[in-house]
Amino acid sequence: IARLKAELAAQAALIASQGVSLAH
């Protein structure tokens, strides 16, 4: 569960970063 949560958090961070990059 901890590993999956970490992966989800990393994916969420990546999506957020891509969203910021896309908006920019």
PDBML (XML) file of the C-alpha atoms, coordinates in Angstrom:
<?xml version="1.0" encoding="UTF-8" ?>
<PDBx:datablock datablockName="MODEL"
   xmlns:PDBx="http://pdbml.pdb.org/schema/pdbx-v50.xsd"
   xmlns:xsi="http://www.w3.org/2001/XMLSchema-instance"
   xsi:schemaLocation="http://pdbml.pdb.org/schema/pdbx-v50.xsd pdbx-v50.xsd">
   <PDBx:atom_siteCategory>
      <PDBx:atom_site id="1">
         <PDBx:B_iso_or_equiv>0.00</PDBx:B_iso_or_equiv>
         <PDBx:Cartn_x>0.000</PDBx:Cartn_x>
         <PDBx:Cartn_y>0.000</PDBx:Cartn_y>
         <PDBx:Cartn_z>0.000</PDBx:Cartn_z>
         <PDBx:auth_asym_id>A</PDBx:auth_asym_id>
         <PDBx:auth_atom_id>CA</PDBx:auth_atom_id>
         <PDBx:auth_comp_id>ILE</PDBx:auth_comp_id>
         <PDBx:auth_seq_id>1</PDBx:auth_seq_id>
         <PDBx:group_PDB>ATOM</PDBx:group_PDB>
         <PDBx:label_alt_id xsi:nil="true" />
         <PDBx:label_asym_id>A</PDBx:label_asym_id>
         <PDBx:label_atom_id>CA</PDBx:label_atom_id>
         <PDBx:label_comp_id>ILE</PDBx:label_comp_id>
         <PDBx:label_entity_id>1</PDBx:label_entity_id>
         <PDBx:label_seq_id>1</PDBx:label_seq_id>
         <PDBx:occupancy>1.00</PDBx:occupancy>
         <PDBx:pdbx_PDB_model_num>1</PDBx:pdbx_PDB_model_num>
         <PDBx:type_symbol>C</PDBx:type_symbol>
      </PDBx:atom_site>
      <PDBx:atom_site id="2">
         <PDBx:B_iso_or_equiv>0.00</PDBx:B_iso_or_equiv>
         <PDBx:Cartn_x>2.821</PDBx:Cartn_x>
         <PDBx:Cartn_y>2.385</PDBx:Cartn_y>
         <PDBx:Cartn_z>0.856</PDBx:Cartn_z>
         <PDBx:auth_asym_id>A</PDBx:auth_asym_id>
         <PDBx:auth_atom_id>CA</PDBx:auth_atom_id>
         <PDBx:auth_comp_id>ALA</PDBx:auth_comp_id>
         <PDBx:auth_seq_id>2</PDBx:auth_seq_id>
         <PDBx:group_PDB>ATOM</PDBx:group_PDB>
         <PDBx:label_alt_id xsi:nil="true" />
         <PDBx:label_asym_id>A</PDBx:label_asym_id>
         <PDBx:label_atom_id>CA</PDBx:label_atom_id>
         <PDBx:label_comp_id>ALA</PDBx:label_comp_id>
         <PDBx:label_entity_id>1</PDBx:label_entity_id>
         <PDBx:label_seq_id>2</PDBx:label_seq_id>
         <PDBx:occupancy>1.00</PDBx:occupancy>
         <PDBx:pdbx_PDB_model_num>1</PDBx:pdbx_PDB_model_num>
         <PDBx:type_symbol>C</PDBx:type_symbol>
      </PDBx:atom_site>
      <PDBx:atom_site id="3">
         <PDBx:B_iso_or_equiv>0.00</PDBx:B_iso_or_equiv>
         <PDBx:Cartn_x>4.532</PDBx:Cartn_x>
         <PDBx:Cartn_y>1.634</PDBx:Cartn_y>
         <PDBx:Cartn_z>-2.456</PDBx:Cartn_z>
         <PDBx:auth_asym_id>A</PDBx:auth_asym_id>
         <PDBx:auth_atom_id>CA</PDBx:auth_atom_id>
         <PDBx:auth_comp_id>ARG</PDBx:auth_comp_id>
         <PDBx:auth_seq_id>3</PDBx:auth_seq_id>
         <PDBx:group_PDB>ATOM</PDBx:group_PDB>
         <PDBx:label_alt_id xsi:nil="true" />
         <PDBx:label_asym_id>A</PDBx:label_asym_id>
         <PDBx:label_atom_id>CA</PDBx:label_atom_id>
         <PDBx:label_comp_id>ARG</PDBx:label_comp_id>
         <PDBx:label_entity_id>1</PDBx:label_entity_id>
         <PDBx:label_seq_id>3</PDBx:label_seq_id>
         <PDBx:occupancy>1.00</PDBx:occupancy>
         <PDBx:pdbx_PDB_model_num>1</PDBx:pdbx_PDB_model_num>
         <PDBx:type_symbol>C</PDBx:type_symbol>
      </PDBx:atom_site>
      <PDBx:atom_site id="4">
         <PDBx:B_iso_or_equiv>0.00</PDBx:B_iso_or_equiv>
         <PDBx:Cartn_x>1.290</PDBx:Cartn_x>
         <PDBx:Cartn_y>2.162</PDBx:Cartn_y>
         <PDBx:Cartn_z>-4.377</PDBx:Cartn_z>
         <PDBx:auth_asym_id>A</PDBx:auth_asym_id>
         <PDBx:auth_atom_id>CA</PDBx:auth_atom_id>
         <PDBx:auth_comp_id>LEU</PDBx:auth_comp_id>
         <PDBx:auth_seq_id>4</PDBx:auth_seq_id>
         <PDBx:group_PDB>ATOM</PDBx:group_PDB>
         <PDBx:label_alt_id xsi:nil="true" />
         <PDBx:label_asym_id>A</PDBx:label_asym_id>
         <PDBx:label_atom_id>CA</PDBx:label_atom_id>
         <PDBx:label_comp_id>LEU</PDBx:label_comp_id>
         <PDBx:label_entity_id>1</PDBx:label_entity_id>
         <PDBx:label_seq_id>4</PDBx:label_seq_id>
         <PDBx:occupancy>1.00</PDBx:occupancy>
         <PDBx:pdbx_PDB_model_num>1</PDBx:pdbx_PDB_model_num>
         <PDBx:type_symbol>C</PDBx:type_symbol>
      </PDBx:atom_site>
      <PDBx:atom_site id="5">
         <PDBx:B_iso_or_equiv>0.00</PDBx:B_iso_or_equiv>
         <PDBx:Cartn_x>0.640</PDBx:Cartn_x>
         <PDBx:Cartn_y>5.395</PDBx:Cartn_y>
         <PDBx:Cartn_z>-2.518</PDBx:Cartn_z>
         <PDBx:auth_asym_id>A</PDBx:auth_asym_id>
         <PDBx:auth_atom_id>CA</PDBx:auth_atom_id>
         <PDBx:auth_comp_id>LYS</PDBx:auth_comp_id>
         <PDBx:auth_seq_id>5</PDBx:auth_seq_id>
         <PDBx:group_PDB>ATOM</PDBx:group_PDB>
         <PDBx:label_alt_id xsi:nil="true" />
         <PDBx:label_asym_id>A</PDBx:label_asym_id>
         <PDBx:label_atom_id>CA</PDBx:label_atom_id>
         <PDBx:label_comp_id>LYS</PDBx:label_comp_id>
         <PDBx:label_entity_id>1</PDBx:label_entity_id>
         <PDBx:label_seq_id>5</PDBx:label_seq_id>
         <PDBx:occupancy>1.00</PDBx:occupancy>
         <PDBx:pdbx_PDB_model_num>1</PDBx:pdbx_PDB_model_num>
         <PDBx:type_symbol>C</PDBx:type_symbol>
      </PDBx:atom_site>
      <PDBx:atom_site id="6">
         <PDBx:B_iso_or_equiv>0.00</PDBx:B_iso_or_equiv>
         <PDBx:Cartn_x>4.155</PDBx:Cartn_x>
         <PDBx:Cartn_y>6.573</PDBx:Cartn_y>
         <PDBx:Cartn_z>-3.387</PDBx:Cartn_z>
         <PDBx:auth_asym_id>A</PDBx:auth_asym_id>
         <PDBx:auth_atom_id>CA</PDBx:auth_atom_id>
         <PDBx:auth_comp_id>ALA</PDBx:auth_comp_id>
         <PDBx:auth_seq_id>6</PDBx:auth_seq_id>
         <PDBx:group_PDB>ATOM</PDBx:group_PDB>
         <PDBx:label_alt_id xsi:nil="true" />
         <PDBx:label_asym_id>A</PDBx:label_asym_id>
         <PDBx:label_atom_id>CA</PDBx:label_atom_id>
         <PDBx:label_comp_id>ALA</PDBx:label_comp_id>
         <PDBx:label_entity_id>1</PDBx:label_entity_id>
         <PDBx:label_seq_id>6</PDBx:label_seq_id>
         <PDBx:occupancy>1.00</PDBx:occupancy>
         <PDBx:pdbx_PDB_model_num>1</PDBx:pdbx_PDB_model_num>
         <PDBx:type_symbol>C</PDBx:type_symbol>
      </PDBx:atom_site>
      <PDBx:atom_site id="7">
         <PDBx:B_iso_or_equiv>0.00</PDBx:B_iso_or_equiv>
         <PDBx:Cartn_x>3.636</PDBx:Cartn_x>
         <PDBx:Cartn_y>5.668</PDBx:Cartn_y>
         <PDBx:Cartn_z>-7.029</PDBx:Cartn_z>
         <PDBx:auth_asym_id>A</PDBx:auth_asym_id>
         <PDBx:auth_atom_id>CA</PDBx:auth_atom_id>
         <PDBx:auth_comp_id>GLU</PDBx:auth_comp_id>
         <PDBx:auth_seq_id>7</PDBx:auth_seq_id>
         <PDBx:group_PDB>ATOM</PDBx:group_PDB>
         <PDBx:label_alt_id xsi:nil="true" />
         <PDBx:label_asym_id>A</PDBx:label_asym_id>
         <PDBx:label_atom_id>CA</PDBx:label_atom_id>
         <PDBx:label_comp_id>GLU</PDBx:label_comp_id>
         <PDBx:label_entity_id>1</PDBx:label_entity_id>
         <PDBx:label_seq_id>7</PDBx:label_seq_id>
         <PDBx:occupancy>1.00</PDBx:occupancy>
         <PDBx:pdbx_PDB_model_num>1</PDBx:pdbx_PDB_model_num>
         <PDBx:type_symbol>C</PDBx:type_symbol>
      </PDBx:atom_site>
      <PDBx:atom_site id="8">
         <PDBx:B_iso_or_equiv>0.00</PDBx:B_iso_or_equiv>
         <PDBx:Cartn_x>0.293</PDBx:Cartn_x>
         <PDBx:Cartn_y>7.474</PDBx:Cartn_y>
         <PDBx:Cartn_z>-7.057</PDBx:Cartn_z>
         <PDBx:auth_asym_id>A</PDBx:auth_asym_id>
         <PDBx:auth_atom_id>CA</PDBx:auth_atom_id>
         <PDBx:auth_comp_id>LEU</PDBx:auth_comp_id>
         <PDBx:auth_seq_id>8</PDBx:auth_seq_id>
         <PDBx:group_PDB>ATOM</PDBx:group_PDB>
         <PDBx:label_alt_id xsi:nil="true" />
         <PDBx:label_asym_id>A</PDBx:label_asym_id>
         <PDBx:label_atom_id>CA</PDBx:label_atom_id>
         <PDBx:label_comp_id>LEU</PDBx:label_comp_id>
         <PDBx:label_entity_id>1</PDBx:label_entity_id>
         <PDBx:label_seq_id>8</PDBx:label_seq_id>
         <PDBx:occupancy>1.00</PDBx:occupancy>
         <PDBx:pdbx_PDB_model_num>1</PDBx:pdbx_PDB_model_num>
         <PDBx:type_symbol>C</PDBx:type_symbol>
      </PDBx:atom_site>
      <PDBx:atom_site id="9">
         <PDBx:B_iso_or_equiv>0.00</PDBx:B_iso_or_equiv>
         <PDBx:Cartn_x>1.866</PDBx:Cartn_x>
         <PDBx:Cartn_y>10.510</PDBx:Cartn_y>
         <PDBx:Cartn_z>-5.420</PDBx:Cartn_z>
         <PDBx:auth_asym_id>A</PDBx:auth_asym_id>
         <PDBx:auth_atom_id>CA</PDBx:auth_atom_id>
         <PDBx:auth_comp_id>ALA</PDBx:auth_comp_id>
         <PDBx:auth_seq_id>9</PDBx:auth_seq_id>
         <PDBx:group_PDB>ATOM</PDBx:group_PDB>
         <PDBx:label_alt_id xsi:nil="true" />
         <PDBx:label_asym_id>A</PDBx:label_asym_id>
         <PDBx:label_atom_id>CA</PDBx:label_atom_id>
         <PDBx:label_comp_id>ALA</PDBx:label_comp_id>
         <PDBx:label_entity_id>1</PDBx:label_entity_id>
         <PDBx:label_seq_id>9</PDBx:label_seq_id>
         <PDBx:occupancy>1.00</PDBx:occupancy>
         <PDBx:pdbx_PDB_model_num>1</PDBx:pdbx_PDB_model_num>
         <PDBx:type_symbol>C</PDBx:type_symbol>
      </PDBx:atom_site>
      <PDBx:atom_site id="10">
         <PDBx:B_iso_or_equiv>0.00</PDBx:B_iso_or_equiv>
         <PDBx:Cartn_x>4.677</PDBx:Cartn_x>
         <PDBx:Cartn_y>10.485</PDBx:Cartn_y>
         <PDBx:Cartn_z>-7.976</PDBx:Cartn_z>
         <PDBx:auth_asym_id>A</PDBx:auth_asym_id>
         <PDBx:auth_atom_id>CA</PDBx:auth_atom_id>
         <PDBx:auth_comp_id>ALA</PDBx:auth_comp_id>
         <PDBx:auth_seq_id>10</PDBx:auth_seq_id>
         <PDBx:group_PDB>ATOM</PDBx:group_PDB>
         <PDBx:label_alt_id xsi:nil="true" />
         <PDBx:label_asym_id>A</PDBx:label_asym_id>
         <PDBx:label_atom_id>CA</PDBx:label_atom_id>
         <PDBx:label_comp_id>ALA</PDBx:label_comp_id>
         <PDBx:label_entity_id>1</PDBx:label_entity_id>
         <PDBx:label_seq_id>10</PDBx:label_seq_id>
         <PDBx:occupancy>1.00</PDBx:occupancy>
         <PDBx:pdbx_PDB_model_num>1</PDBx:pdbx_PDB_model_num>
         <PDBx:type_symbol>C</PDBx:type_symbol>
      </PDBx:atom_site>
      <PDBx:atom_site id="11">
         <PDBx:B_iso_or_equiv>0.00</PDBx:B_iso_or_equiv>
         <PDBx:Cartn_x>2.191</PDBx:Cartn_x>
         <PDBx:Cartn_y>10.190</PDBx:Cartn_y>
         <PDBx:Cartn_z>-10.829</PDBx:Cartn_z>
         <PDBx:auth_asym_id>A</PDBx:auth_asym_id>
         <PDBx:auth_atom_id>CA</PDBx:auth_atom_id>
         <PDBx:auth_comp_id>GLN</PDBx:auth_comp_id>
         <PDBx:auth_seq_id>11</PDBx:auth_seq_id>
         <PDBx:group_PDB>ATOM</PDBx:group_PDB>
         <PDBx:label_alt_id xsi:nil="true" />
         <PDBx:label_asym_id>A</PDBx:label_asym_id>
         <PDBx:label_atom_id>CA</PDBx:label_atom_id>
         <PDBx:label_comp_id>GLN</PDBx:label_comp_id>
         <PDBx:label_entity_id>1</PDBx:label_entity_id>
         <PDBx:label_seq_id>11</PDBx:label_seq_id>
         <PDBx:occupancy>1.00</PDBx:occupancy>
         <PDBx:pdbx_PDB_model_num>1</PDBx:pdbx_PDB_model_num>
         <PDBx:type_symbol>C</PDBx:type_symbol>
      </PDBx:atom_site>
      <PDBx:atom_site id="12">
         <PDBx:B_iso_or_equiv>0.00</PDBx:B_iso_or_equiv>
         <PDBx:Cartn_x>0.092</PDBx:Cartn_x>
         <PDBx:Cartn_y>12.975</PDBx:Cartn_y>
         <PDBx:Cartn_z>-9.363</PDBx:Cartn_z>
         <PDBx:auth_asym_id>A</PDBx:auth_asym_id>
         <PDBx:auth_atom_id>CA</PDBx:auth_atom_id>
         <PDBx:auth_comp_id>ALA</PDBx:auth_comp_id>
         <PDBx:auth_seq_id>12</PDBx:auth_seq_id>
         <PDBx:group_PDB>ATOM</PDBx:group_PDB>
         <PDBx:label_alt_id xsi:nil="true" />
         <PDBx:label_asym_id>A</PDBx:label_asym_id>
         <PDBx:label_atom_id>CA</PDBx:label_atom_id>
         <PDBx:label_comp_id>ALA</PDBx:label_comp_id>
         <PDBx:label_entity_id>1</PDBx:label_entity_id>
         <PDBx:label_seq_id>12</PDBx:label_seq_id>
         <PDBx:occupancy>1.00</PDBx:occupancy>
         <PDBx:pdbx_PDB_model_num>1</PDBx:pdbx_PDB_model_num>
         <PDBx:type_symbol>C</PDBx:type_symbol>
      </PDBx:atom_site>
      <PDBx:atom_site id="13">
         <PDBx:B_iso_or_equiv>0.00</PDBx:B_iso_or_equiv>
         <PDBx:Cartn_x>3.187</PDBx:Cartn_x>
         <PDBx:Cartn_y>15.157</PDBx:Cartn_y>
         <PDBx:Cartn_z>-9.051</PDBx:Cartn_z>
         <PDBx:auth_asym_id>A</PDBx:auth_asym_id>
         <PDBx:auth_atom_id>CA</PDBx:auth_atom_id>
         <PDBx:auth_comp_id>ALA</PDBx:auth_comp_id>
         <PDBx:auth_seq_id>13</PDBx:auth_seq_id>
         <PDBx:group_PDB>ATOM</PDBx:group_PDB>
         <PDBx:label_alt_id xsi:nil="true" />
         <PDBx:label_asym_id>A</PDBx:label_asym_id>
         <PDBx:label_atom_id>CA</PDBx:label_atom_id>
         <PDBx:label_comp_id>ALA</PDBx:label_comp_id>
         <PDBx:label_entity_id>1</PDBx:label_entity_id>
         <PDBx:label_seq_id>13</PDBx:label_seq_id>
         <PDBx:occupancy>1.00</PDBx:occupancy>
         <PDBx:pdbx_PDB_model_num>1</PDBx:pdbx_PDB_model_num>
         <PDBx:type_symbol>C</PDBx:type_symbol>
      </PDBx:atom_site>
      <PDBx:atom_site id="14">
         <PDBx:B_iso_or_equiv>0.00</PDBx:B_iso_or_equiv>
         <PDBx:Cartn_x>4.163</PDBx:Cartn_x>
         <PDBx:Cartn_y>14.345</PDBx:Cartn_y>
         <PDBx:Cartn_z>-12.648</PDBx:Cartn_z>
         <PDBx:auth_asym_id>A</PDBx:auth_asym_id>
         <PDBx:auth_atom_id>CA</PDBx:auth_atom_id>
         <PDBx:auth_comp_id>LEU</PDBx:auth_comp_id>
         <PDBx:auth_seq_id>14</PDBx:auth_seq_id>
         <PDBx:group_PDB>ATOM</PDBx:group_PDB>
         <PDBx:label_alt_id xsi:nil="true" />
         <PDBx:label_asym_id>A</PDBx:label_asym_id>
         <PDBx:label_atom_id>CA</PDBx:label_atom_id>
         <PDBx:label_comp_id>LEU</PDBx:label_comp_id>
         <PDBx:label_entity_id>1</PDBx:label_entity_id>
         <PDBx:label_seq_id>14</PDBx:label_seq_id>
         <PDBx:occupancy>1.00</PDBx:occupancy>
         <PDBx:pdbx_PDB_model_num>1</PDBx:pdbx_PDB_model_num>
         <PDBx:type_symbol>C</PDBx:type_symbol>
      </PDBx:atom_site>
      <PDBx:atom_site id="15">
         <PDBx:B_iso_or_equiv>0.00</PDBx:B_iso_or_equiv>
         <PDBx:Cartn_x>0.655</PDBx:Cartn_x>
         <PDBx:Cartn_y>15.144</PDBx:Cartn_y>
         <PDBx:Cartn_z>-13.904</PDBx:Cartn_z>
         <PDBx:auth_asym_id>A</PDBx:auth_asym_id>
         <PDBx:auth_atom_id>CA</PDBx:auth_atom_id>
         <PDBx:auth_comp_id>ILE</PDBx:auth_comp_id>
         <PDBx:auth_seq_id>15</PDBx:auth_seq_id>
         <PDBx:group_PDB>ATOM</PDBx:group_PDB>
         <PDBx:label_alt_id xsi:nil="true" />
         <PDBx:label_asym_id>A</PDBx:label_asym_id>
         <PDBx:label_atom_id>CA</PDBx:label_atom_id>
         <PDBx:label_comp_id>ILE</PDBx:label_comp_id>
         <PDBx:label_entity_id>1</PDBx:label_entity_id>
         <PDBx:label_seq_id>15</PDBx:label_seq_id>
         <PDBx:occupancy>1.00</PDBx:occupancy>
         <PDBx:pdbx_PDB_model_num>1</PDBx:pdbx_PDB_model_num>
         <PDBx:type_symbol>C</PDBx:type_symbol>
      </PDBx:atom_site>
      <PDBx:atom_site id="16">
         <PDBx:B_iso_or_equiv>0.00</PDBx:B_iso_or_equiv>
         <PDBx:Cartn_x>0.663</PDBx:Cartn_x>
         <PDBx:Cartn_y>18.392</PDBx:Cartn_y>
         <PDBx:Cartn_z>-11.942</PDBx:Cartn_z>
         <PDBx:auth_asym_id>A</PDBx:auth_asym_id>
         <PDBx:auth_atom_id>CA</PDBx:auth_atom_id>
         <PDBx:auth_comp_id>ALA</PDBx:auth_comp_id>
         <PDBx:auth_seq_id>16</PDBx:auth_seq_id>
         <PDBx:group_PDB>ATOM</PDBx:group_PDB>
         <PDBx:label_alt_id xsi:nil="true" />
         <PDBx:label_asym_id>A</PDBx:label_asym_id>
         <PDBx:label_atom_id>CA</PDBx:label_atom_id>
         <PDBx:label_comp_id>ALA</PDBx:label_comp_id>
         <PDBx:label_entity_id>1</PDBx:label_entity_id>
         <PDBx:label_seq_id>16</PDBx:label_seq_id>
         <PDBx:occupancy>1.00</PDBx:occupancy>
         <PDBx:pdbx_PDB_model_num>1</PDBx:pdbx_PDB_model_num>
         <PDBx:type_symbol>C</PDBx:type_symbol>
      </PDBx:atom_site>
      <PDBx:atom_site id="17">
         <PDBx:B_iso_or_equiv>0.00</PDBx:B_iso_or_equiv>
         <PDBx:Cartn_x>4.071</PDBx:Cartn_x>
         <PDBx:Cartn_y>19.277</PDBx:Cartn_y>
         <PDBx:Cartn_z>-13.366</PDBx:Cartn_z>
         <PDBx:auth_asym_id>A</PDBx:auth_asym_id>
         <PDBx:auth_atom_id>CA</PDBx:auth_atom_id>
         <PDBx:auth_comp_id>SER</PDBx:auth_comp_id>
         <PDBx:auth_seq_id>17</PDBx:auth_seq_id>
         <PDBx:group_PDB>ATOM</PDBx:group_PDB>
         <PDBx:label_alt_id xsi:nil="true" />
         <PDBx:label_asym_id>A</PDBx:label_asym_id>
         <PDBx:label_atom_id>CA</PDBx:label_atom_id>
         <PDBx:label_comp_id>SER</PDBx:label_comp_id>
         <PDBx:label_entity_id>1</PDBx:label_entity_id>
         <PDBx:label_seq_id>17</PDBx:label_seq_id>
         <PDBx:occupancy>1.00</PDBx:occupancy>
         <PDBx:pdbx_PDB_model_num>1</PDBx:pdbx_PDB_model_num>
         <PDBx:type_symbol>C</PDBx:type_symbol>
      </PDBx:atom_site>
      <PDBx:atom_site id="18">
         <PDBx:B_iso_or_equiv>0.00</PDBx:B_iso_or_equiv>
         <PDBx:Cartn_x>2.920</PDBx:Cartn_x>
         <PDBx:Cartn_y>18.443</PDBx:Cartn_y>
         <PDBx:Cartn_z>-16.880</PDBx:Cartn_z>
         <PDBx:auth_asym_id>A</PDBx:auth_asym_id>
         <PDBx:auth_atom_id>CA</PDBx:auth_atom_id>
         <PDBx:auth_comp_id>GLN</PDBx:auth_comp_id>
         <PDBx:auth_seq_id>18</PDBx:auth_seq_id>
         <PDBx:group_PDB>ATOM</PDBx:group_PDB>
         <PDBx:label_alt_id xsi:nil="true" />
         <PDBx:label_asym_id>A</PDBx:label_asym_id>
         <PDBx:label_atom_id>CA</PDBx:label_atom_id>
         <PDBx:label_comp_id>GLN</PDBx:label_comp_id>
         <PDBx:label_entity_id>1</PDBx:label_entity_id>
         <PDBx:label_seq_id>18</PDBx:label_seq_id>
         <PDBx:occupancy>1.00</PDBx:occupancy>
         <PDBx:pdbx_PDB_model_num>1</PDBx:pdbx_PDB_model_num>
         <PDBx:type_symbol>C</PDBx:type_symbol>
      </PDBx:atom_site>
      <PDBx:atom_site id="19">
         <PDBx:B_iso_or_equiv>0.00</PDBx:B_iso_or_equiv>
         <PDBx:Cartn_x>-0.210</PDBx:Cartn_x>
         <PDBx:Cartn_y>20.502</PDBx:Cartn_y>
         <PDBx:Cartn_z>-16.308</PDBx:Cartn_z>
         <PDBx:auth_asym_id>A</PDBx:auth_asym_id>
         <PDBx:auth_atom_id>CA</PDBx:auth_atom_id>
         <PDBx:auth_comp_id>GLY</PDBx:auth_comp_id>
         <PDBx:auth_seq_id>19</PDBx:auth_seq_id>
         <PDBx:group_PDB>ATOM</PDBx:group_PDB>
         <PDBx:label_alt_id xsi:nil="true" />
         <PDBx:label_asym_id>A</PDBx:label_asym_id>
         <PDBx:label_atom_id>CA</PDBx:label_atom_id>
         <PDBx:label_comp_id>GLY</PDBx:label_comp_id>
         <PDBx:label_entity_id>1</PDBx:label_entity_id>
         <PDBx:label_seq_id>19</PDBx:label_seq_id>
         <PDBx:occupancy>1.00</PDBx:occupancy>
         <PDBx:pdbx_PDB_model_num>1</PDBx:pdbx_PDB_model_num>
         <PDBx:type_symbol>C</PDBx:type_symbol>
      </PDBx:atom_site>
      <PDBx:atom_site id="20">
         <PDBx:B_iso_or_equiv>0.00</PDBx:B_iso_or_equiv>
         <PDBx:Cartn_x>1.889</PDBx:Cartn_x>
         <PDBx:Cartn_y>23.489</PDBx:Cartn_y>
         <PDBx:Cartn_z>-15.247</PDBx:Cartn_z>
         <PDBx:auth_asym_id>A</PDBx:auth_asym_id>
         <PDBx:auth_atom_id>CA</PDBx:auth_atom_id>
         <PDBx:auth_comp_id>VAL</PDBx:auth_comp_id>
         <PDBx:auth_seq_id>20</PDBx:auth_seq_id>
         <PDBx:group_PDB>ATOM</PDBx:group_PDB>
         <PDBx:label_alt_id xsi:nil="true" />
         <PDBx:label_asym_id>A</PDBx:label_asym_id>
         <PDBx:label_atom_id>CA</PDBx:label_atom_id>
         <PDBx:label_comp_id>VAL</PDBx:label_comp_id>
         <PDBx:label_entity_id>1</PDBx:label_entity_id>
         <PDBx:label_seq_id>20</PDBx:label_seq_id>
         <PDBx:occupancy>1.00</PDBx:occupancy>
         <PDBx:pdbx_PDB_model_num>1</PDBx:pdbx_PDB_model_num>
         <PDBx:type_symbol>C</PDBx:type_symbol>
      </PDBx:atom_site>
      <PDBx:atom_site id="21">
         <PDBx:B_iso_or_equiv>0.00</PDBx:B_iso_or_equiv>
         <PDBx:Cartn_x>4.187</PDBx:Cartn_x>
         <PDBx:Cartn_y>22.960</PDBx:Cartn_y>
         <PDBx:Cartn_z>-18.237</PDBx:Cartn_z>
         <PDBx:auth_asym_id>A</PDBx:auth_asym_id>
         <PDBx:auth_atom_id>CA</PDBx:auth_atom_id>
         <PDBx:auth_comp_id>SER</PDBx:auth_comp_id>
         <PDBx:auth_seq_id>21</PDBx:auth_seq_id>
         <PDBx:group_PDB>ATOM</PDBx:group_PDB>
         <PDBx:label_alt_id xsi:nil="true" />
         <PDBx:label_asym_id>A</PDBx:label_asym_id>
         <PDBx:label_atom_id>CA</PDBx:label_atom_id>
         <PDBx:label_comp_id>SER</PDBx:label_comp_id>
         <PDBx:label_entity_id>1</PDBx:label_entity_id>
         <PDBx:label_seq_id>21</PDBx:label_seq_id>
         <PDBx:occupancy>1.00</PDBx:occupancy>
         <PDBx:pdbx_PDB_model_num>1</PDBx:pdbx_PDB_model_num>
         <PDBx:type_symbol>C</PDBx:type_symbol>
      </PDBx:atom_site>
      <PDBx:atom_site id="22">
         <PDBx:B_iso_or_equiv>0.00</PDBx:B_iso_or_equiv>
         <PDBx:Cartn_x>1.210</PDBx:Cartn_x>
         <PDBx:Cartn_y>22.634</PDBx:Cartn_y>
         <PDBx:Cartn_z>-20.576</PDBx:Cartn_z>
         <PDBx:auth_asym_id>A</PDBx:auth_asym_id>
         <PDBx:auth_atom_id>CA</PDBx:auth_atom_id>
         <PDBx:auth_comp_id>LEU</PDBx:auth_comp_id>
         <PDBx:auth_seq_id>22</PDBx:auth_seq_id>
         <PDBx:group_PDB>ATOM</PDBx:group_PDB>
         <PDBx:label_alt_id xsi:nil="true" />
         <PDBx:label_asym_id>A</PDBx:label_asym_id>
         <PDBx:label_atom_id>CA</PDBx:label_atom_id>
         <PDBx:label_comp_id>LEU</PDBx:label_comp_id>
         <PDBx:label_entity_id>1</PDBx:label_entity_id>
         <PDBx:label_seq_id>22</PDBx:label_seq_id>
         <PDBx:occupancy>1.00</PDBx:occupancy>
         <PDBx:pdbx_PDB_model_num>1</PDBx:pdbx_PDB_model_num>
         <PDBx:type_symbol>C</PDBx:type_symbol>
      </PDBx:atom_site>
      <PDBx:atom_site id="23">
         <PDBx:B_iso_or_equiv>0.00</PDBx:B_iso_or_equiv>
         <PDBx:Cartn_x>-0.395</PDBx:Cartn_x>
         <PDBx:Cartn_y>25.766</PDBx:Cartn_y>
         <PDBx:Cartn_z>-19.155</PDBx:Cartn_z>
         <PDBx:auth_asym_id>A</PDBx:auth_asym_id>
         <PDBx:auth_atom_id>CA</PDBx:auth_atom_id>
         <PDBx:auth_comp_id>ALA</PDBx:auth_comp_id>
         <PDBx:auth_seq_id>23</PDBx:auth_seq_id>
         <PDBx:group_PDB>ATOM</PDBx:group_PDB>
         <PDBx:label_alt_id xsi:nil="true" />
         <PDBx:label_asym_id>A</PDBx:label_asym_id>
         <PDBx:label_atom_id>CA</PDBx:label_atom_id>
         <PDBx:label_comp_id>ALA</PDBx:label_comp_id>
         <PDBx:label_entity_id>1</PDBx:label_entity_id>
         <PDBx:label_seq_id>23</PDBx:label_seq_id>
         <PDBx:occupancy>1.00</PDBx:occupancy>
         <PDBx:pdbx_PDB_model_num>1</PDBx:pdbx_PDB_model_num>
         <PDBx:type_symbol>C</PDBx:type_symbol>
      </PDBx:atom_site>
      <PDBx:atom_site id="24">
         <PDBx:B_iso_or_equiv>0.00</PDBx:B_iso_or_equiv>
         <PDBx:Cartn_x>2.907</PDBx:Cartn_x>
         <PDBx:Cartn_y>27.609</PDBx:Cartn_y>
         <PDBx:Cartn_z>-19.559</PDBx:Cartn_z>
         <PDBx:auth_asym_id>A</PDBx:auth_asym_id>
         <PDBx:auth_atom_id>CA</PDBx:auth_atom_id>
         <PDBx:auth_comp_id>HIS</PDBx:auth_comp_id>
         <PDBx:auth_seq_id>24</PDBx:auth_seq_id>
         <PDBx:group_PDB>ATOM</PDBx:group_PDB>
         <PDBx:label_alt_id xsi:nil="true" />
         <PDBx:label_asym_id>A</PDBx:label_asym_id>
         <PDBx:label_atom_id>CA</PDBx:label_atom_id>
         <PDBx:label_comp_id>HIS</PDBx:label_comp_id>
         <PDBx:label_entity_id>1</PDBx:label_entity_id>
         <PDBx:label_seq_id>24</PDBx:label_seq_id>
         <PDBx:occupancy>1.00</PDBx:occupancy>
         <PDBx:pdbx_PDB_model_num>1</PDBx:pdbx_PDB_model_num>
         <PDBx:type_symbol>C</PDBx:type_symbol>
      </PDBx:atom_site>
   </PDBx:atom_siteCategory>
</PDBx:datablock>
